[in-house]
PDB file of N, CA and C in Angstrom:
ATOM      1  N   MET A   1     -96.984 -35.321   5.017  1.00  0.00           N
ATOM      2  CA  MET A   1     -96.549 -35.955   6.212  1.00  0.00           C
ATOM      3  C   MET A   1     -96.746 -34.998   7.375  1.00  0.00           C
ATOM      4  N   TYR A   2     -97.246 -35.548   8.454  1.00  0.00           N
ATOM      5  CA  TYR A   2     -97.419 -34.762   9.660  1.00  0.00           C
ATOM      6  C   TYR A   2     -96.335 -35.098  10.683  1.00  0.00           C
ATOM      7  N   GLU A   3     -95.927 -34.108  11.428  1.00  0.00           N
ATOM      8  CA  GLU A   3     -94.962 -34.347  12.516  1.00  0.00           C
ATOM      9  C   GLU A   3     -95.557 -33.781  13.812  1.00  0.00           C
ATOM     10  N   LEU A   4     -95.628 -34.612  14.822  1.00  0.00           N
ATOM     11  CA  LEU A   4     -96.250 -34.252  16.067  1.00  0.00           C
ATOM     12  C   LEU A   4     -95.254 -34.458  17.207  1.00  0.00           C
ATOM     13  N   LYS A   5     -95.303 -33.533  18.153  1.00  0.00           N
ATOM     14  CA  LYS A   5     -94.585 -33.693  19.457  1.00  0.00           C
ATOM     15  C   LYS A   5     -95.567 -34.339  20.417  1.00  0.00           C
ATOM     16  N   VAL A   6     -95.174 -35.491  20.962  1.00  0.00           N
ATOM     17  CA  VAL A   6     -96.109 -36.179  21.873  1.00  0.00           C
ATOM     18  C   VAL A   6     -95.311 -36.382  23.165  1.00  0.00           C
ATOM     19  N   GLU A   7     -95.504 -35.470  24.078  1.00  0.00           N
ATOM     20  CA  GLU A   7     -94.742 -35.422  25.352  1.00  0.00           C
ATOM     21  C   GLU A   7     -94.957 -36.629  26.238  1.00  0.00           C
ATOM     22  N   ASN A   8     -96.127 -37.240  26.204  1.00  0.00           N
ATOM     23  CA  ASN A   8     -96.469 -38.348  27.082  1.00  0.00           C
ATOM     24  C   ASN A   8     -95.770 -39.675  26.775  1.00  0.00           C
ATOM     25  N   MET A   9     -95.063 -39.783  25.607  1.00  0.00           N
ATOM     26  CA  MET A   9     -94.440 -41.009  25.259  1.00  0.00           C
ATOM     27  C   MET A   9     -93.137 -41.197  26.069  1.00  0.00           C
ATOM     28  N   SER A  10     -92.978 -42.369  26.655  1.00  0.00           N
ATOM     29  CA  SER A  10     -91.793 -42.613  27.442  1.00  0.00           C
ATOM     30  C   SER A  10     -91.263 -44.068  27.320  1.00  0.00           C
ATOM     31  N   CYS A  11     -91.975 -44.973  26.633  1.00  0.00           N
ATOM     32  CA  CYS A  11     -91.544 -46.350  26.567  1.00  0.00           C
ATOM     33  C   CYS A  11     -92.100 -47.052  25.295  1.00  0.00           C
ATOM     34  N   GLY A  12     -91.739 -48.252  25.169  1.00  0.00           N
ATOM     35  CA  GLY A  12     -92.221 -49.058  24.015  1.00  0.00           C
ATOM     36  C   GLY A  12     -93.763 -49.262  24.055  1.00  0.00           C
ATOM     37  N   HIS A  13     -94.293 -49.374  25.204  1.00  0.00           N
ATOM     38  CA  HIS A  13     -95.777 -49.493  25.302  1.00  0.00           C
ATOM     39  C   HIS A  13     -96.441 -48.240  24.750  1.00  0.00           C
ATOM     40  N   CYS A  14     -95.868 -47.109  25.112  1.00  0.00           N
ATOM     41  CA  CYS A  14     -96.402 -45.826  24.581  1.00  0.00           C
ATOM     42  C   CYS A  14     -96.369 -45.795  23.019  1.00  0.00           C
ATOM     43  N   THR A  15     -95.219 -46.272  22.487  1.00  0.00           N
ATOM     44  CA  THR A  15     -95.059 -46.296  21.055  1.00  0.00           C
ATOM     45  C   THR A  15     -96.143 -47.179  20.426  1.00  0.00           C
ATOM     46  N   ALA A  16     -96.374 -48.335  21.016  1.00  0.00           N
ATOM     47  CA  ALA A  16     -97.383 -49.230  20.495  1.00  0.00           C
ATOM     48  C   ALA A  16     -98.791 -48.608  20.582  1.00  0.00           C
ATOM     49  N   ARG A  17     -99.117 -47.937  21.673  1.00  0.00           N
ATOM     50  CA  ARG A  17    -100.409 -47.253  21.812  1.00  0.00           C
ATOM     51  C   ARG A  17    -100.585 -46.139  20.779  1.00  0.00           C
ATOM     52  N   VAL A  18     -99.571 -45.385  20.551  1.00  0.00           N
ATOM     53  CA  VAL A  18     -99.611 -44.252  19.579  1.00  0.00           C
ATOM     54  C   VAL A  18     -99.813 -44.878  18.191  1.00  0.00           C
ATOM     55  N   THR A  19     -99.072 -45.897  17.853  1.00  0.00           N
ATOM     56  CA  THR A  19     -99.218 -46.538  16.561  1.00  0.00           C
ATOM     57  C   THR A  19    -100.630 -47.115  16.393  1.00  0.00           C
ATOM     58  N   GLN A  20    -101.121 -47.788  17.405  1.00  0.00           N
ATOM     59  CA  GLN A  20    -102.497 -48.358  17.338  1.00  0.00           C
ATOM     60  C   GLN A  20    -103.514 -47.243  17.141  1.00  0.00           C
ATOM     61  N   ALA A  21    -103.408 -46.154  17.848  1.00  0.00           N
ATOM     62  CA  ALA A  21    -104.332 -45.037  17.742  1.00  0.00           C
ATOM     63  C   ALA A  21    -104.351 -44.497  16.292  1.00  0.00           C
ATOM     64  N   VAL A  22    -103.185 -44.319  15.734  1.00  0.00           N
ATOM     65  CA  VAL A  22    -103.139 -43.794  14.350  1.00  0.00           C
ATOM     66  C   VAL A  22    -103.732 -44.799  13.399  1.00  0.00           C
ATOM     67  N   LYS A  23    -103.387 -46.073  13.558  1.00  0.00           N
ATOM     68  CA  LYS A  23    -103.875 -47.130  12.633  1.00  0.00           C
ATOM     69  C   LYS A  23    -105.423 -47.303  12.770  1.00  0.00           C
ATOM     70  N   SER A  24    -105.990 -46.895  13.908  1.00  0.00           N
ATOM     71  CA  SER A  24    -107.436 -46.971  14.051  1.00  0.00           C
ATOM     72  C   SER A  24    -108.171 -45.999  13.146  1.00  0.00           C
ATOM     73  N   VAL A  25    -107.458 -44.909  12.807  1.00  0.00           N
ATOM     74  CA  VAL A  25    -108.023 -43.905  11.903  1.00  0.00           C
ATOM     75  C   VAL A  25    -107.628 -44.217  10.454  1.00  0.00           C
ATOM     76  N   ASP A  26    -106.405 -44.625  10.272  1.00  0.00           N
ATOM     77  CA  ASP A  26    -105.923 -44.988   8.917  1.00  0.00           C
ATOM     78  C   ASP A  26    -105.019 -46.239   8.963  1.00  0.00           C
ATOM     79  N   PRO A  27    -105.626 -47.391   8.683  1.00  0.00           N
ATOM     80  CA  PRO A  27    -104.808 -48.629   8.751  1.00  0.00           C
ATOM     81  C   PRO A  27    -103.656 -48.667   7.752  1.00  0.00           C
ATOM     82  N   GLU A  28    -103.658 -47.774   6.743  1.00  0.00           N
ATOM     83  CA  GLU A  28    -102.574 -47.715   5.739  1.00  0.00           C
ATOM     84  C   GLU A  28    -101.497 -46.655   6.123  1.00  0.00           C
ATOM     85  N   ALA A  29    -101.626 -45.992   7.213  1.00  0.00           N
ATOM     86  CA  ALA A  29    -100.698 -44.971   7.617  1.00  0.00           C
ATOM     87  C   ALA A  29     -99.333 -45.525   7.816  1.00  0.00           C
ATOM     88  N   ARG A  30     -98.339 -44.671   7.470  1.00  0.00           N
ATOM     89  CA  ARG A  30     -96.946 -45.035   7.767  1.00  0.00           C
ATOM     90  C   ARG A  30     -96.547 -44.179   8.932  1.00  0.00           C
ATOM     91  N   ILE A  31     -95.940 -44.827   9.983  1.00  0.00           N
ATOM     92  CA  ILE A  31     -95.712 -44.162  11.255  1.00  0.00           C
ATOM     93  C   ILE A  31     -94.218 -44.365  11.605  1.00  0.00           C
ATOM     94  N   GLU A  32     -93.546 -43.269  11.973  1.00  0.00           N
ATOM     95  CA  GLU A  32     -92.205 -43.370  12.528  1.00  0.00           C
ATOM     96  C   GLU A  32     -92.176 -42.696  13.847  1.00  0.00           C
ATOM     97  N   VAL A  33     -91.725 -43.416  14.875  1.00  0.00           N
ATOM     98  CA  VAL A  33     -91.749 -42.900  16.211  1.00  0.00           C
ATOM     99  C   VAL A  33     -90.288 -42.663  16.691  1.00  0.00           C
ATOM    100  N   ASP A  34     -89.989 -41.482  17.104  1.00  0.00           N
ATOM    101  CA  ASP A  34     -88.721 -41.121  17.681  1.00  0.00           C
ATOM    102  C   ASP A  34     -88.938 -40.949  19.155  1.00  0.00           C
ATOM    103  N   LEU A  35     -88.826 -42.061  19.904  1.00  0.00           N
ATOM    104  CA  LEU A  35     -89.123 -42.050  21.321  1.00  0.00           C
ATOM    105  C   LEU A  35     -88.236 -41.087  22.115  1.00  0.00           C
ATOM    106  N   PRO A  36     -86.915 -41.072  21.945  1.00  0.00           N
ATOM    107  CA  PRO A  36     -86.125 -40.125  22.714  1.00  0.00           C
ATOM    108  C   PRO A  36     -86.456 -38.652  22.436  1.00  0.00           C
ATOM    109  N   GLY A  37     -86.837 -38.356  21.180  1.00  0.00           N
ATOM    110  CA  GLY A  37     -87.227 -36.993  20.843  1.00  0.00           C
ATOM    111  C   GLY A  37     -88.715 -36.736  21.061  1.00  0.00           C
ATOM    112  N   ARG A  38     -89.474 -37.831  21.417  1.00  0.00           N
ATOM    113  CA  ARG A  38     -90.875 -37.729  21.647  1.00  0.00           C
ATOM    114  C   ARG A  38     -91.672 -37.095  20.468  1.00  0.00           C
ATOM    115  N   GLN A  39     -91.237 -37.569  19.265  1.00  0.00           N
ATOM    116  CA  GLN A  39     -91.883 -37.084  18.056  1.00  0.00           C
ATOM    117  C   GLN A  39     -92.396 -38.270  17.258  1.00  0.00           C
ATOM    118  N   VAL A  40     -93.522 -38.005  16.539  1.00  0.00           N
ATOM    119  CA  VAL A  40     -94.102 -39.001  15.662  1.00  0.00           C
ATOM    120  C   VAL A  40     -94.313 -38.362  14.317  1.00  0.00           C
ATOM    121  N   ARG A  41     -93.810 -39.113  13.286  1.00  0.00           N
ATOM    122  CA  ARG A  41     -94.001 -38.670  11.908  1.00  0.00           C
ATOM    123  C   ARG A  41     -95.018 -39.607  11.280  1.00  0.00           C
ATOM    124  N   ILE A  42     -96.052 -39.035  10.631  1.00  0.00           N
ATOM    125  CA  ILE A  42     -97.147 -39.869  10.100  1.00  0.00           C
ATOM    126  C   ILE A  42     -97.388 -39.479   8.645  1.00  0.00           C
ATOM    127  N   GLU A  43     -97.429 -40.493   7.817  1.00  0.00           N
ATOM    128  CA  GLU A  43     -97.776 -40.242   6.444  1.00  0.00           C
ATOM    129  C   GLU A  43     -99.160 -40.952   6.303  1.00  0.00           C
ATOM    130  N   SER A  44    -100.181 -40.121   6.054  1.00  0.00           N
ATOM    131  CA  SER A  44    -101.591 -40.562   6.023  1.00  0.00           C
ATOM    132  C   SER A  44    -102.360 -39.760   5.037  1.00  0.00           C
ATOM    133  N   ALA A  45    -103.428 -40.408   4.508  1.00  0.00           N
ATOM    134  CA  ALA A  45    -104.381 -39.691   3.695  1.00  0.00           C
ATOM    135  C   ALA A  45    -105.461 -38.971   4.504  1.00  0.00           C
ATOM    136  N   CYS A  46    -105.482 -39.270   5.817  1.00  0.00           N
ATOM    137  CA  CYS A  46    -106.456 -38.641   6.716  1.00  0.00           C
ATOM    138  C   CYS A  46    -106.013 -37.260   7.113  1.00  0.00           C
ATOM    139  N   GLU A  47    -106.977 -36.518   7.585  1.00  0.00           N
ATOM    140  CA  GLU A  47    -106.687 -35.159   8.071  1.00  0.00           C
ATOM    141  C   GLU A  47    -105.947 -35.195   9.416  1.00  0.00           C
ATOM    142  N   LEU A  48    -105.108 -34.238   9.705  1.00  0.00           N
ATOM    143  CA  LEU A  48    -104.388 -34.157  10.951  1.00  0.00           C
ATOM    144  C   LEU A  48    -105.362 -34.134  12.161  1.00  0.00           C
ATOM    145  N   ILE A  49    -106.442 -33.402  11.978  1.00  0.00           N
ATOM    146  CA  ILE A  49    -107.410 -33.291  13.114  1.00  0.00           C
ATOM    147  C   ILE A  49    -107.899 -34.675  13.519  1.00  0.00           C
ATOM    148  N   GLU A  50    -108.147 -35.564  12.580  1.00  0.00           N
ATOM    149  CA  GLU A  50    -108.612 -36.911  12.914  1.00  0.00           C
ATOM    150  C   GLU A  50    -107.554 -37.710  13.644  1.00  0.00           C
ATOM    151  N   ILE A  51    -106.347 -37.610  13.201  1.00  0.00           N
ATOM    152  CA  ILE A  51    -105.226 -38.326  13.831  1.00  0.00           C
ATOM    153  C   ILE A  51    -104.985 -37.774  15.220  1.00  0.00           C
ATOM    154  N   ALA A  52    -104.989 -36.457  15.330  1.00  0.00           N
ATOM    155  CA  ALA A  52    -104.751 -35.834  16.683  1.00  0.00           C
ATOM    156  C   ALA A  52    -105.871 -36.204  17.624  1.00  0.00           C
ATOM    157  N   ALA A  53    -107.125 -36.288  17.200  1.00  0.00           N
ATOM    158  CA  ALA A  53    -108.192 -36.699  18.094  1.00  0.00           C
ATOM    159  C   ALA A  53    -107.995 -38.137  18.587  1.00  0.00           C
ATOM    160  N   ALA A  54    -107.591 -39.003  17.692  1.00  0.00           N
ATOM    161  CA  ALA A  54    -107.389 -40.422  18.059  1.00  0.00           C
ATOM    162  C   ALA A  54    -106.244 -40.554  19.068  1.00  0.00           C
ATOM    163  N   LEU A  55    -105.183 -39.742  18.898  1.00  0.00           N
ATOM    164  CA  LEU A  55    -104.085 -39.768  19.832  1.00  0.00           C
ATOM    165  C   LEU A  55    -104.487 -39.231  21.172  1.00  0.00           C
ATOM    166  N   ALA A  56    -105.242 -38.153  21.204  1.00  0.00           N
ATOM    167  CA  ALA A  56    -105.683 -37.537  22.428  1.00  0.00           C
ATOM    168  C   ALA A  56    -106.636 -38.523  23.194  1.00  0.00           C
ATOM    169  N   GLU A  57    -107.497 -39.204  22.440  1.00  0.00           N
ATOM    170  CA  GLU A  57    -108.388 -40.175  23.048  1.00  0.00           C
ATOM    171  C   GLU A  57    -107.647 -41.350  23.695  1.00  0.00           C
ATOM    172  N   ALA A  58    -106.504 -41.709  23.095  1.00  0.00           N
ATOM    173  CA  ALA A  58    -105.685 -42.795  23.598  1.00  0.00           C
ATOM    174  C   ALA A  58    -104.814 -42.294  24.741  1.00  0.00           C
ATOM    175  N   GLY A  59    -104.830 -41.005  25.055  1.00  0.00           N
ATOM    176  CA  GLY A  59    -104.050 -40.491  26.195  1.00  0.00           C
ATOM    177  C   GLY A  59    -102.675 -39.903  25.822  1.00  0.00           C
ATOM    178  N   TYR A  60    -102.507 -39.712  24.470  1.00  0.00           N
ATOM    179  CA  TYR A  60    -101.245 -39.151  23.949  1.00  0.00           C
ATOM    180  C   TYR A  60    -101.480 -37.936  23.104  1.00  0.00           C
ATOM    181  N   PRO A  61    -101.936 -36.865  23.698  1.00  0.00           N
ATOM    182  CA  PRO A  61    -102.202 -35.651  22.874  1.00  0.00           C
ATOM    183  C   PRO A  61    -100.844 -35.187  22.257  1.00  0.00           C
ATOM    184  N   GLY A  62    -101.011 -34.728  21.029  1.00  0.00           N
ATOM    185  CA  GLY A  62     -99.800 -34.276  20.273  1.00  0.00           C
ATOM    186  C   GLY A  62     -99.925 -32.842  19.840  1.00  0.00           C
ATOM    187  N   GLN A  63     -98.870 -32.185  19.645  1.00  0.00           N
ATOM    188  CA  GLN A  63     -98.793 -30.880  19.133  1.00  0.00           C
ATOM    189  C   GLN A  63     -98.110 -30.871  17.777  1.00  0.00           C
ATOM    190  N   ALA A  64     -98.711 -30.320  16.783  1.00  0.00           N
ATOM    191  CA  ALA A  64     -98.156 -30.311  15.439  1.00  0.00           C
ATOM    192  C   ALA A  64     -96.850 -29.555  15.370  1.00  0.00           C
ATOM    193  N   VAL A  65     -95.820 -30.207  14.911  1.00  0.00           N
ATOM    194  CA  VAL A  65     -94.513 -29.599  14.692  1.00  0.00           C
ATOM    195  C   VAL A  65     -94.465 -29.096  13.256  1.00  0.00           C
ATOM    196  N   SER A  66     -94.971 -29.888  12.308  1.00  0.00           N
ATOM    197  CA  SER A  66     -95.043 -29.471  10.912  1.00  0.00           C
ATOM    198  C   SER A  66     -96.077 -30.331  10.199  1.00  0.00           C
ATOM    199  N   ASP A  67     -96.558 -29.792   9.089  1.00  0.00           N
ATOM    200  CA  ASP A  67     -97.574 -30.411   8.261  1.00  0.00           C
ATOM    201  C   ASP A  67     -97.102 -30.223   6.843  1.00  0.00           C
ATOM    202  N   THR A  68     -96.551 -31.261   6.249  1.00  0.00           N
ATOM    203  CA  THR A  68     -96.105 -31.107   4.853  1.00  0.00           C
ATOM    204  C   THR A  68     -96.924 -31.909   3.922  1.00  0.00           C
ATOM    205  N   ASN A  69     -98.157 -32.114   4.281  1.00  0.00           N
ATOM    206  CA  ASN A  69     -99.126 -32.911   3.489  1.00  0.00           C
ATOM    207  C   ASN A  69     -99.694 -32.074   2.404  1.00  0.00           C
TER     208      ASN A  69
END
């Protein structure tokens, strides 16, 4: 599981865009968004670098908090 700090998230629309970006890389990914904490937890078979690139491309760059994959 990956945990990312995504500072640009501020609303439900942001949550949807982040989810869509992750799903574009791995449609089977499990995603938990903590909007007040601006953190995203992702369980995915894909590499973190692929997920981070998709988030950055969507306008939501993230910084890894932890990687327990």
